[in-house]
PDB file of N, CA and C in Angstrom:
ATOM      1  N   UNK A   1      87.747 -18.946 131.185  1.00  0.00           N
ATOM      2  CA  UNK A   1      89.194 -17.449 130.987  1.00  0.00           C
ATOM      3  C   UNK A   1      89.916 -18.536 130.025  1.00  0.00           C
ATOM      4  N   UNK A   2      90.286 -17.734 129.010  1.00  0.00           N
ATOM      5  CA  UNK A   2      91.362 -18.434 127.947  1.00  0.00           C
ATOM      6  C   UNK A   2      92.562 -18.358 128.788  1.00  0.00           C
ATOM      7  N   UNK A   3      93.332 -19.202 127.827  1.00  0.00           N
ATOM      8  CA  UNK A   3      94.719 -19.457 128.286  1.00  0.00           C
ATOM      9  C   UNK A   3      95.364 -18.391 128.305  1.00  0.00           C
ATOM     10  N   UNK A   4      95.471 -17.360 127.341  1.00  0.00           N
ATOM     11  CA  UNK A   4      96.469 -16.273 127.177  1.00  0.00           C
ATOM     12  C   UNK A   4      95.914 -15.295 128.338  1.00  0.00           C
ATOM     13  N   UNK A   5      94.609 -15.131 128.930  1.00  0.00           N
ATOM     14  CA  UNK A   5      94.376 -14.315 130.079  1.00  0.00           C
ATOM     15  C   UNK A   5      94.848 -14.918 131.317  1.00  0.00           C
ATOM     16  N   UNK A   6      95.030 -16.585 131.367  1.00  0.00           N
ATOM     17  CA  UNK A   6      95.232 -16.999 132.562  1.00  0.00           C
ATOM     18  C   UNK A   6      96.861 -16.745 132.732  1.00  0.00           C
ATOM     19  N   UNK A   7      97.195 -16.803 131.474  1.00  0.00           N
ATOM     20  CA  UNK A   7      98.857 -16.579 131.495  1.00  0.00           C
ATOM     21  C   UNK A   7      99.033 -15.416 131.557  1.00  0.00           C
ATOM     22  N   UNK A   8      98.704 -14.106 131.561  1.00  0.00           N
ATOM     23  CA  UNK A   8      98.670 -12.831 131.594  1.00  0.00           C
ATOM     24  C   UNK A   8      98.430 -12.352 133.364  1.00  0.00           C
ATOM     25  N   UNK A   9      97.416 -12.993 133.744  1.00  0.00           N
ATOM     26  CA  UNK A   9      97.053 -12.995 135.001  1.00  0.00           C
ATOM     27  C   UNK A   9      98.240 -13.772 136.053  1.00  0.00           C
ATOM     28  N   UNK A  10      98.619 -14.756 135.729  1.00  0.00           N
ATOM     29  CA  UNK A  10      99.661 -15.591 136.457  1.00  0.00           C
ATOM     30  C   UNK A  10     101.030 -14.407 136.299  1.00  0.00           C
ATOM     31  N   UNK A  11     101.271 -13.743 135.164  1.00  0.00           N
ATOM     32  CA  UNK A  11     102.484 -13.006 135.184  1.00  0.00           C
ATOM     33  C   UNK A  11     102.461 -11.851 136.099  1.00  0.00           C
ATOM     34  N   UNK A  12     101.301 -11.295 135.791  1.00  0.00           N
ATOM     35  CA  UNK A  12     101.088  -9.997 137.017  1.00  0.00           C
ATOM     36  C   UNK A  12     101.104 -10.271 138.266  1.00  0.00           C
ATOM     37  N   UNK A  13     100.703 -11.387 138.830  1.00  0.00           N
ATOM     38  CA  UNK A  13     100.734 -11.746 140.059  1.00  0.00           C
ATOM     39  C   UNK A  13     102.127 -12.043 140.519  1.00  0.00           C
ATOM     40  N   UNK A  14     102.827 -12.684 139.433  1.00  0.00           N
ATOM     41  CA  UNK A  14     104.202 -13.369 139.581  1.00  0.00           C
ATOM     42  C   UNK A  14     105.183 -11.901 140.061  1.00  0.00           C
ATOM     43  N   UNK A  15     104.761 -10.987 139.102  1.00  0.00           N
ATOM     44  CA  UNK A  15     105.387  -9.601 139.049  1.00  0.00           C
ATOM     45  C   UNK A  15     105.404  -8.812 140.255  1.00  0.00           C
ATOM     46  N   UNK A  16     104.397  -9.134 141.348  1.00  0.00           N
ATOM     47  CA  UNK A  16     103.714  -8.782 142.599  1.00  0.00           C
ATOM     48  C   UNK A  16     104.789  -9.439 143.331  1.00  0.00           C
ATOM     49  N   UNK A  17     104.342 -10.919 143.412  1.00  0.00           N
ATOM     50  CA  UNK A  17     104.870 -11.732 144.704  1.00  0.00           C
ATOM     51  C   UNK A  17     106.375 -11.527 144.735  1.00  0.00           C
ATOM     52  N   UNK A  18     107.203 -11.956 143.863  1.00  0.00           N
ATOM     53  CA  UNK A  18     108.501 -12.312 143.773  1.00  0.00           C
ATOM     54  C   UNK A  18     109.242 -10.928 144.405  1.00  0.00           C
ATOM     55  N   UNK A  19     108.943  -9.619 144.073  1.00  0.00           N
ATOM     56  CA  UNK A  19     109.522  -8.642 144.885  1.00  0.00           C
ATOM     57  C   UNK A  19     109.000  -8.172 146.002  1.00  0.00           C
ATOM     58  N   UNK A  20     107.679  -8.746 146.575  1.00  0.00           N
ATOM     59  CA  UNK A  20     107.068  -8.264 147.672  1.00  0.00           C
ATOM     60  C   UNK A  20     107.988  -9.455 148.406  1.00  0.00           C
ATOM     61  N   UNK A  21     107.716 -10.587 148.241  1.00  0.00           N
ATOM     62  CA  UNK A  21     108.481 -11.617 149.249  1.00  0.00           C
ATOM     63  C   UNK A  21     110.038 -11.428 149.535  1.00  0.00           C
ATOM     64  N   UNK A  22     110.784 -11.053 148.401  1.00  0.00           N
ATOM     65  CA  UNK A  22     112.021 -10.968 148.695  1.00  0.00           C
ATOM     66  C   UNK A  22     112.420  -9.643 149.551  1.00  0.00           C
ATOM     67  N   UNK A  23     111.584  -8.600 149.533  1.00  0.00           N
ATOM     68  CA  UNK A  23     111.750  -7.210 150.245  1.00  0.00           C
ATOM     69  C   UNK A  23     111.345  -7.547 151.538  1.00  0.00           C
ATOM     70  N   UNK A  24     110.132  -8.478 151.605  1.00  0.00           N
ATOM     71  CA  UNK A  24     109.725  -8.951 153.205  1.00  0.00           C
ATOM     72  C   UNK A  24     110.853  -9.570 153.734  1.00  0.00           C
ATOM     73  N   UNK A  25     111.313 -10.442 153.194  1.00  0.00           N
ATOM     74  CA  UNK A  25     112.457 -11.555 153.696  1.00  0.00           C
ATOM     75  C   UNK A  25     113.825 -10.377 154.052  1.00  0.00           C
ATOM     76  N   UNK A  26     114.117  -9.648 153.036  1.00  0.00           N
ATOM     77  CA  UNK A  26     115.219  -8.812 153.279  1.00  0.00           C
ATOM     78  C   UNK A  26     115.067  -7.994 154.706  1.00  0.00           C
ATOM     79  N   UNK A  27     113.814  -7.534 154.774  1.00  0.00           N
ATOM     80  CA  UNK A  27     113.564  -6.550 155.957  1.00  0.00           C
ATOM     81  C   UNK A  27     113.460  -7.458 157.050  1.00  0.00           C
ATOM     82  N   UNK A  28     112.640  -8.313 157.247  1.00  0.00           N
ATOM     83  CA  UNK A  28     112.060  -9.083 158.511  1.00  0.00           C
ATOM     84  C   UNK A  28     112.750 -10.547 158.589  1.00  0.00           C
ATOM     85  N   UNK A  29     113.454 -10.907 157.604  1.00  0.00           N
ATOM     86  CA  UNK A  29     113.819 -12.091 157.398  1.00  0.00           C
ATOM     87  C   UNK A  29     114.679 -12.701 158.834  1.00  0.00           C
ATOM     88  N   UNK A  30     115.573 -11.730 159.268  1.00  0.00           N
ATOM     89  CA  UNK A  30     116.532 -12.002 160.432  1.00  0.00           C
ATOM     90  C   UNK A  30     115.556 -12.232 161.835  1.00  0.00           C
ATOM     91  N   UNK A  31     114.720 -11.196 161.951  1.00  0.00           N
ATOM     92  CA  UNK A  31     113.950 -11.322 162.699  1.00  0.00           C
ATOM     93  C   UNK A  31     113.090 -12.282 163.070  1.00  0.00           C
ATOM     94  N   UNK A  32     112.529 -12.916 161.878  1.00  0.00           N
ATOM     95  CA  UNK A  32     111.743 -13.824 162.142  1.00  0.00           C
ATOM     96  C   UNK A  32     112.295 -15.334 162.138  1.00  0.00           C
ATOM     97  N   UNK A  33     113.597 -15.586 161.896  1.00  0.00           N
ATOM     98  CA  UNK A  33     114.374 -16.713 161.734  1.00  0.00           C
ATOM     99  C   UNK A  33     114.448 -17.457 163.191  1.00  0.00           C
ATOM    100  N   UNK A  34     113.770 -16.838 164.032  1.00  0.00           N
ATOM    101  CA  UNK A  34     113.620 -17.467 165.395  1.00  0.00           C
ATOM    102  C   UNK A  34     112.399 -17.997 165.668  1.00  0.00           C
ATOM    103  N   UNK A  35     111.405 -17.734 164.760  1.00  0.00           N
ATOM    104  CA  UNK A  35     110.082 -18.364 164.870  1.00  0.00           C
ATOM    105  C   UNK A  35     110.122 -19.748 164.253  1.00  0.00           C
ATOM    106  N   UNK A  36     109.296 -20.784 164.556  1.00  0.00           N
ATOM    107  CA  UNK A  36     109.107 -21.746 163.981  1.00  0.00           C
ATOM    108  C   UNK A  36     108.585 -21.633 162.188  1.00  0.00           C
ATOM    109  N   UNK A  37     108.785 -22.422 161.627  1.00  0.00           N
ATOM    110  CA  UNK A  37     108.543 -22.054 159.936  1.00  0.00           C
ATOM    111  C   UNK A  37     106.891 -22.146 159.853  1.00  0.00           C
ATOM    112  N   UNK A  38     106.320 -22.588 160.575  1.00  0.00           N
ATOM    113  CA  UNK A  38     104.456 -22.183 160.652  1.00  0.00           C
ATOM    114  C   UNK A  38     104.191 -21.042 161.007  1.00  0.00           C
ATOM    115  N   UNK A  39     105.170 -20.501 161.905  1.00  0.00           N
ATOM    116  CA  UNK A  39     104.430 -19.231 162.118  1.00  0.00           C
ATOM    117  C   UNK A  39     105.279 -18.106 161.259  1.00  0.00           C
ATOM    118  N   UNK A  40     106.567 -18.065 160.530  1.00  0.00           N
ATOM    119  CA  UNK A  40     107.011 -17.326 159.549  1.00  0.00           C
ATOM    120  C   UNK A  40     106.050 -17.498 158.285  1.00  0.00           C
ATOM    121  N   UNK A  41     105.626 -18.641 157.897  1.00  0.00           N
ATOM    122  CA  UNK A  41     104.810 -18.658 156.710  1.00  0.00           C
ATOM    123  C   UNK A  41     103.455 -17.845 157.126  1.00  0.00           C
ATOM    124  N   UNK A  42     102.761 -18.000 158.351  1.00  0.00           N
ATOM    125  CA  UNK A  42     101.772 -17.392 158.479  1.00  0.00           C
ATOM    126  C   UNK A  42     101.698 -15.710 158.466  1.00  0.00           C
ATOM    127  N   UNK A  43     102.767 -15.444 159.297  1.00  0.00           N
ATOM    128  CA  UNK A  43     103.034 -13.825 159.184  1.00  0.00           C
ATOM    129  C   UNK A  43     103.564 -13.448 157.712  1.00  0.00           C
ATOM    130  N   UNK A  44     104.191 -14.048 156.752  1.00  0.00           N
ATOM    131  CA  UNK A  44     104.615 -13.767 155.616  1.00  0.00           C
ATOM    132  C   UNK A  44     103.100 -13.794 154.745  1.00  0.00           C
ATOM    133  N   UNK A  45     102.431 -14.616 154.968  1.00  0.00           N
ATOM    134  CA  UNK A  45     101.044 -14.899 154.075  1.00  0.00           C
ATOM    135  C   UNK A  45      99.946 -14.111 154.331  1.00  0.00           C
ATOM    136  N   UNK A  46      99.609 -13.540 155.682  1.00  0.00           N
ATOM    137  CA  UNK A  46      98.884 -12.718 156.240  1.00  0.00           C
ATOM    138  C   UNK A  46      99.172 -11.365 155.948  1.00  0.00           C
ATOM    139  N   UNK A  47     100.744 -11.062 155.569  1.00  0.00           N
ATOM    140  CA  UNK A  47     100.875  -9.450 155.471  1.00  0.00           C
ATOM    141  C   UNK A  47     100.727  -9.629 153.818  1.00  0.00           C
ATOM    142  N   UNK A  48     101.254 -10.287 153.018  1.00  0.00           N
ATOM    143  CA  UNK A  48     101.458 -10.235 151.829  1.00  0.00           C
ATOM    144  C   UNK A  48     100.212 -10.609 150.986  1.00  0.00           C
ATOM    145  N   UNK A  49      99.384 -11.236 151.132  1.00  0.00           N
ATOM    146  CA  UNK A  49      98.260 -11.785 150.559  1.00  0.00           C
ATOM    147  C   UNK A  49      97.381 -10.230 150.351  1.00  0.00           C
ATOM    148  N   UNK A  50      97.113  -9.791 151.262  1.00  0.00           N
ATOM    149  CA  UNK A  50      96.255  -8.516 151.372  1.00  0.00           C
ATOM    150  C   UNK A  50      97.026  -7.542 150.375  1.00  0.00           C
ATOM    151  N   UNK A  51      98.190  -7.096 150.566  1.00  0.00           N
ATOM    152  CA  UNK A  51      99.034  -6.350 150.087  1.00  0.00           C
ATOM    153  C   UNK A  51      99.063  -6.667 148.310  1.00  0.00           C
ATOM    154  N   UNK A  52      99.126  -7.761 147.761  1.00  0.00           N
ATOM    155  CA  UNK A  52      99.098  -8.264 146.697  1.00  0.00           C
ATOM    156  C   UNK A  52      97.951  -8.142 145.950  1.00  0.00           C
ATOM    157  N   UNK A  53      96.769  -8.350 146.572  1.00  0.00           N
ATOM    158  CA  UNK A  53      95.622  -8.444 146.152  1.00  0.00           C
ATOM    159  C   UNK A  53      94.949  -6.780 145.873  1.00  0.00           C
ATOM    160  N   UNK A  54      95.347  -6.199 147.055  1.00  0.00           N
ATOM    161  CA  UNK A  54      94.693  -5.027 146.979  1.00  0.00           C
ATOM    162  C   UNK A  54      95.294  -3.495 146.514  1.00  0.00           C
ATOM    163  N   UNK A  55      96.757  -3.847 146.521  1.00  0.00           N
ATOM    164  CA  UNK A  55      97.861  -2.886 146.383  1.00  0.00           C
ATOM    165  C   UNK A  55      98.548  -3.162 144.915  1.00  0.00           C
ATOM    166  N   UNK A  56      99.057  -4.571 145.132  1.00  0.00           N
ATOM    167  CA  UNK A  56     100.023  -4.497 144.231  1.00  0.00           C
ATOM    168  C   UNK A  56      99.598  -4.979 142.682  1.00  0.00           C
ATOM    169  N   UNK A  57      98.511  -6.007 142.809  1.00  0.00           N
ATOM    170  CA  UNK A  57      97.918  -6.384 141.237  1.00  0.00           C
ATOM    171  C   UNK A  57      97.404  -5.256 140.720  1.00  0.00           C
ATOM    172  N   UNK A  58      96.643  -4.176 141.368  1.00  0.00           N
ATOM    173  CA  UNK A  58      96.107  -3.282 140.725  1.00  0.00           C
ATOM    174  C   UNK A  58      96.740  -2.496 140.536  1.00  0.00           C
ATOM    175  N   UNK A  59      98.145  -2.225 140.993  1.00  0.00           N
ATOM    176  CA  UNK A  59      99.273  -1.092 140.764  1.00  0.00           C
ATOM    177  C   UNK A  59      99.672  -1.404 139.484  1.00  0.00           C
ATOM    178  N   UNK A  60      99.955  -3.181 138.974  1.00  0.00           N
ATOM    179  CA  UNK A  60     100.598  -3.729 137.835  1.00  0.00           C
ATOM    180  C   UNK A  60      99.638  -3.377 136.753  1.00  0.00           C
ATOM    181  N   UNK A  61      98.007  -3.466 137.189  1.00  0.00           N
ATOM    182  CA  UNK A  61      97.377  -3.430 136.007  1.00  0.00           C
ATOM    183  C   UNK A  61      97.134  -2.002 135.575  1.00  0.00           C
ATOM    184  N   UNK A  62      97.187  -0.678 136.260  1.00  0.00           N
ATOM    185  CA  UNK A  62      97.308   0.650 135.963  1.00  0.00           C
ATOM    186  C   UNK A  62      98.184   0.567 135.006  1.00  0.00           C
ATOM    187  N   UNK A  63      99.788   0.418 135.762  1.00  0.00           N
ATOM    188  CA  UNK A  63     100.934   0.356 135.018  1.00  0.00           C
ATOM    189  C   UNK A  63     100.735  -0.134 133.190  1.00  0.00           C
ATOM    190  N   UNK A  64     100.181  -1.201 133.451  1.00  0.00           N
ATOM    191  CA  UNK A  64     100.093  -2.127 131.994  1.00  0.00           C
ATOM    192  C   UNK A  64      99.215  -1.262 131.061  1.00  0.00           C
ATOM    193  N   UNK A  65      97.846  -0.672 131.676  1.00  0.00           N
ATOM    194  CA  UNK A  65      96.902   0.103 130.908  1.00  0.00           C
ATOM    195  C   UNK A  65      97.623   1.104 130.142  1.00  0.00           C
ATOM    196  N   UNK A  66      98.681   1.852 130.945  1.00  0.00           N
ATOM    197  CA  UNK A  66      99.385   3.060 130.411  1.00  0.00           C
ATOM    198  C   UNK A  66     100.224   2.812 129.205  1.00  0.00           C
ATOM    199  N   UNK A  67     100.786   1.629 129.480  1.00  0.00           N
ATOM    200  CA  UNK A  67     101.877   1.189 128.283  1.00  0.00           C
ATOM    201  C   UNK A  67     101.715   0.247 127.384  1.00  0.00           C
ATOM    202  N   UNK A  68     100.733  -0.678 127.765  1.00  0.00           N
ATOM    203  CA  UNK A  68     100.447  -1.637 126.517  1.00  0.00           C
ATOM    204  C   UNK A  68      99.231  -1.412 125.946  1.00  0.00           C
ATOM    205  N   UNK A  69      99.278  -0.900 124.435  1.00  0.00           N
ATOM    206  CA  UNK A  69      98.132  -0.917 123.946  1.00  0.00           C
ATOM    207  C   UNK A  69      96.959  -2.055 123.989  1.00  0.00           C
ATOM    208  N   UNK A  70      95.816  -1.382 123.668  1.00  0.00           N
ATOM    209  CA  UNK A  70      94.619  -2.516 124.015  1.00  0.00           C
ATOM    210  C   UNK A  70      94.515  -3.724 122.883  1.00  0.00           C
ATOM    211  N   UNK A  71      95.175  -3.305 122.034  1.00  0.00           N
ATOM    212  CA  UNK A  71      95.190  -4.698 120.775  1.00  0.00           C
ATOM    213  C   UNK A  71      96.211  -5.567 121.481  1.00  0.00           C
ATOM    214  N   UNK A  72      96.904  -5.290 122.257  1.00  0.00           N
ATOM    215  CA  UNK A  72      98.116  -6.231 122.444  1.00  0.00           C
ATOM    216  C   UNK A  72      97.565  -7.215 123.401  1.00  0.00           C
ATOM    217  N   UNK A  73      96.655  -6.715 124.538  1.00  0.00           N
ATOM    218  CA  UNK A  73      96.069  -7.205 125.344  1.00  0.00           C
ATOM    219  C   UNK A  73      95.111  -8.215 125.266  1.00  0.00           C
ATOM    220  N   UNK A  74      94.600  -8.325 124.141  1.00  0.00           N
ATOM    221  CA  UNK A  74      93.380  -9.140 123.881  1.00  0.00           C
ATOM    222  C   UNK A  74      93.909 -10.374 122.956  1.00  0.00           C
TER     223      UNK A  74
END
């Protein structure tokens, strides 16, 4: 994988991870605060990893396909 492709992939993933974690913690953070750290981390990852892989990144890919010309992606 070329460096530019790796950079684009990491930016897409970050664009999904950051708002997802922020929203998750804003909604559930107080309720989860009573749990030990390892349980909070488990719940966060078991929920967000599938969301990011199956919904978030494909959504960002579709948005980029509509707005970024093919010549810029390469």
